[in-house]
Amino acid sequence: MLRDLAWLMQVAALVLVGSALFVGLLYDALRAELVMLAIGGGLFLLGRRLQGGEGD
């Protein structure tokens, strides 16, 4: 159950980071892009930590 949640968090983070690129390119909103990148990166790292780290 916890691994499924971690996997879902990582996928959501990748989608968020990918959409941040489009926000930055289409709307020229650098601040919004950086905020989305930071949230996506943090969410990915949190999911990675819940998943078990390097050994899995």
C-alpha atoms as a PDB file:
ATOM      1  CA  MET A   1       0.000   0.000   0.000  1.00  0.00           C
ATOM      2  CA  LEU A   2       2.758   2.423   0.945  1.00  0.00           C
ATOM      3  CA  ARG A   3       4.736   1.572  -2.200  1.00  0.00           C
ATOM      4  CA  ASP A   4       1.663   2.271  -4.326  1.00  0.00           C
ATOM      5  CA  LEU A   5       1.285   5.678  -2.707  1.00  0.00           C
ATOM      6  CA  ALA A   6       4.972   6.404  -3.251  1.00  0.00           C
ATOM      7  CA  TRP A   7       4.720   5.392  -6.911  1.00  0.00           C
ATOM      8  CA  LEU A   8       1.645   7.583  -7.385  1.00  0.00           C
ATOM      9  CA  MET A   9       3.436  10.543  -5.798  1.00  0.00           C
ATOM     10  CA  GLN A  10       6.386  10.113  -8.141  1.00  0.00           C
ATOM     11  CA  VAL A  11       4.181   9.928 -11.221  1.00  0.00           C
ATOM     12  CA  ALA A  12       2.221  13.000 -10.121  1.00  0.00           C
ATOM     13  CA  ALA A  13       5.501  14.849  -9.549  1.00  0.00           C
ATOM     14  CA  LEU A  14       6.739  13.980 -13.038  1.00  0.00           C
ATOM     15  CA  VAL A  15       3.497  15.229 -14.556  1.00  0.00           C
ATOM     16  CA  LEU A  16       3.760  18.437 -12.528  1.00  0.00           C
ATOM     17  CA  VAL A  17       7.360  19.039 -13.597  1.00  0.00           C
ATOM     18  CA  GLY A  18       6.461  18.383 -17.225  1.00  0.00           C
ATOM     19  CA  SER A  19       3.572  20.803 -17.097  1.00  0.00           C
ATOM     20  CA  ALA A  20       5.839  23.408 -15.478  1.00  0.00           C
ATOM     21  CA  LEU A  21       7.869  23.437 -18.671  1.00  0.00           C
ATOM     22  CA  PHE A  22       4.777  24.300 -20.711  1.00  0.00           C
ATOM     23  CA  VAL A  23       3.711  26.982 -18.239  1.00  0.00           C
ATOM     24  CA  GLY A  24       7.107  28.589 -18.539  1.00  0.00           C
ATOM     25  CA  LEU A  25       7.212  28.382 -22.315  1.00  0.00           C
ATOM     26  CA  LEU A  26       3.636  29.303 -23.178  1.00  0.00           C
ATOM     27  CA  TYR A  27       2.853  31.914 -20.543  1.00  0.00           C
ATOM     28  CA  ASP A  28       6.375  33.201 -19.862  1.00  0.00           C
ATOM     29  CA  ALA A  29       5.711  32.865 -16.133  1.00  0.00           C
ATOM     30  CA  LEU A  30       9.095  32.111 -14.649  1.00  0.00           C
ATOM     31  CA  ARG A  31       8.029  32.408 -11.021  1.00  0.00           C
ATOM     32  CA  ALA A  32       5.105  30.002 -11.483  1.00  0.00           C
ATOM     33  CA  GLU A  33       7.380  27.604 -13.352  1.00  0.00           C
ATOM     34  CA  LEU A  34       9.945  27.604 -10.543  1.00  0.00           C
ATOM     35  CA  VAL A  35       7.289  27.058  -7.898  1.00  0.00           C
ATOM     36  CA  MET A  36       5.867  24.119  -9.840  1.00  0.00           C
ATOM     37  CA  LEU A  37       9.358  22.677 -10.301  1.00  0.00           C
ATOM     38  CA  ALA A  38      10.106  22.971  -6.595  1.00  0.00           C
ATOM     39  CA  ILE A  39       6.827  21.355  -5.564  1.00  0.00           C
ATOM     40  CA  GLY A  40       7.254  18.590  -8.137  1.00  0.00           C
ATOM     41  CA  GLY A  41      10.826  17.930  -7.052  1.00  0.00           C
ATOM     42  CA  GLY A  42       9.867  17.793  -3.399  1.00  0.00           C
ATOM     43  CA  LEU A  43       6.951  15.495  -4.112  1.00  0.00           C
ATOM     44  CA  PHE A  44       9.187  13.182  -6.133  1.00  0.00           C
ATOM     45  CA  LEU A  45      11.803  13.034  -3.384  1.00  0.00           C
ATOM     46  CA  LEU A  46       9.162  12.364  -0.754  1.00  0.00           C
ATOM     47  CA  GLY A  47       7.760   9.535  -2.843  1.00  0.00           C
ATOM     48  CA  ARG A  48      11.251   8.165  -3.375  1.00  0.00           C
ATOM     49  CA  ARG A  49      11.888   8.199   0.362  1.00  0.00           C
ATOM     50  CA  LEU A  50       8.597   6.424   1.064  1.00  0.00           C
ATOM     51  CA  GLN A  51       9.453   3.839  -1.560  1.00  0.00           C
ATOM     52  CA  GLY A  52      12.562   2.787   0.280  1.00  0.00           C
ATOM     53  CA  GLY A  53      15.445   4.722  -1.202  1.00  0.00           C
ATOM     54  CA  GLU A  54      18.294   3.360  -3.276  1.00  0.00           C
ATOM     55  CA  GLY A  55      18.123  -0.384  -2.709  1.00  0.00           C
ATOM     56  CA  ASP A  56      14.716  -1.061  -4.295  1.00  0.00           C
END
